[in-house]
């Protein structure tokens, strides 16, 4: 059960990572108070963190269990 939850969460976090990267690429801004660069850096940082979480969850969820036979 734990492995199934980790697999599902890793796929969801991977989708969140892809969405954050897409948002960071397409952010634009203009005008008096242009904060698009700051938003781009924040979104990139969030994408890195969610990608690392997805990697950890994937390693837990898809780790092969070794069955020891005597």
Protein backbone atom coordinates (compact mmCIF):
# COMPACT_ATOMS: atom_id res chain seq x y z
CA UNK A 1 0.00 0.00 0.00
CA UNK A 2 2.85 2.38 0.88
CA UNK A 3 4.52 1.74 -2.48
CA UNK A 4 1.32 2.45 -4.39
CA UNK A 5 0.86 5.77 -2.59
CA UNK A 6 4.49 6.73 -3.29
CA UNK A 7 4.05 5.84 -6.97
CA UNK A 8 0.91 7.94 -7.31
CA UNK A 9 2.45 10.89 -5.46
CA UNK A 10 5.61 10.72 -7.56
CA UNK A 11 3.58 10.95 -10.77
CA UNK A 12 1.58 13.86 -9.37
CA UNK A 13 4.76 15.68 -8.28
CA UNK A 14 6.26 15.09 -11.71
CA UNK A 15 3.20 16.72 -13.30
CA UNK A 16 3.47 19.63 -10.86
CA UNK A 17 7.15 20.00 -11.77
CA UNK A 18 6.33 20.11 -15.48
CA UNK A 19 3.61 22.71 -14.86
CA UNK A 20 5.95 24.89 -12.80
CA UNK A 21 8.62 24.74 -15.51
CA UNK A 22 6.01 25.71 -18.11
CA UNK A 23 4.87 28.64 -15.95
CA UNK A 24 8.46 29.77 -15.36
CA UNK A 25 9.16 29.76 -19.10
CA UNK A 26 6.03 31.65 -20.11
CA UNK A 27 5.92 34.32 -17.38
CA UNK A 28 5.99 37.83 -18.80
CA UNK A 29 5.65 41.23 -17.26
CA UNK A 30 5.88 44.89 -17.98
CA UNK A 31 4.94 48.17 -16.42
CA UNK A 32 5.98 50.20 -13.43
CA UNK A 33 6.56 47.32 -11.01
CA UNK A 34 7.87 44.41 -13.08
CA UNK A 35 8.31 41.39 -10.83
CA UNK A 36 8.49 38.77 -13.58
CA UNK A 37 12.16 37.98 -12.93
CA UNK A 38 11.49 37.33 -9.26
CA UNK A 39 8.49 35.17 -10.12
CA UNK A 40 10.59 33.25 -12.64
CA UNK A 41 13.25 32.54 -9.98
CA UNK A 42 10.64 31.47 -7.42
CA UNK A 43 8.91 29.15 -9.90
CA UNK A 44 12.23 27.63 -10.94
CA UNK A 45 13.13 27.00 -7.31
CA UNK A 46 9.76 25.41 -6.64
CA UNK A 47 10.20 23.21 -9.73
CA UNK A 48 13.58 22.01 -8.46
CA UNK A 49 12.17 21.21 -5.03
CA UNK A 50 9.11 19.37 -6.39
CA UNK A 51 11.32 17.47 -8.84
CA UNK A 52 13.55 16.33 -5.98
CA UNK A 53 10.50 15.21 -4.00
CA UNK A 54 9.23 13.32 -7.05
CA UNK A 55 12.60 11.60 -7.40
CA UNK A 56 12.66 10.51 -3.76
CA UNK A 57 9.09 9.23 -3.92
CA UNK A 58 9.82 7.37 -7.17
CA UNK A 59 12.84 5.66 -5.64
CA UNK A 60 10.72 4.53 -2.70
CA UNK A 61 7.75 3.49 -4.82
CA UNK A 62 9.57 1.61 -7.56
CA UNK A 63 12.36 0.06 -5.50
CA UNK A 64 12.69 -3.65 -6.12
CA UNK A 65 12.18 -5.79 -3.09
CA UNK A 66 14.73 -8.54 -2.73
CA UNK A 67 13.26 -11.77 -1.41
CA UNK A 68 15.89 -13.73 0.47
CA UNK A 69 15.70 -17.46 0.07
CA UNK A 70 17.51 -19.77 2.41
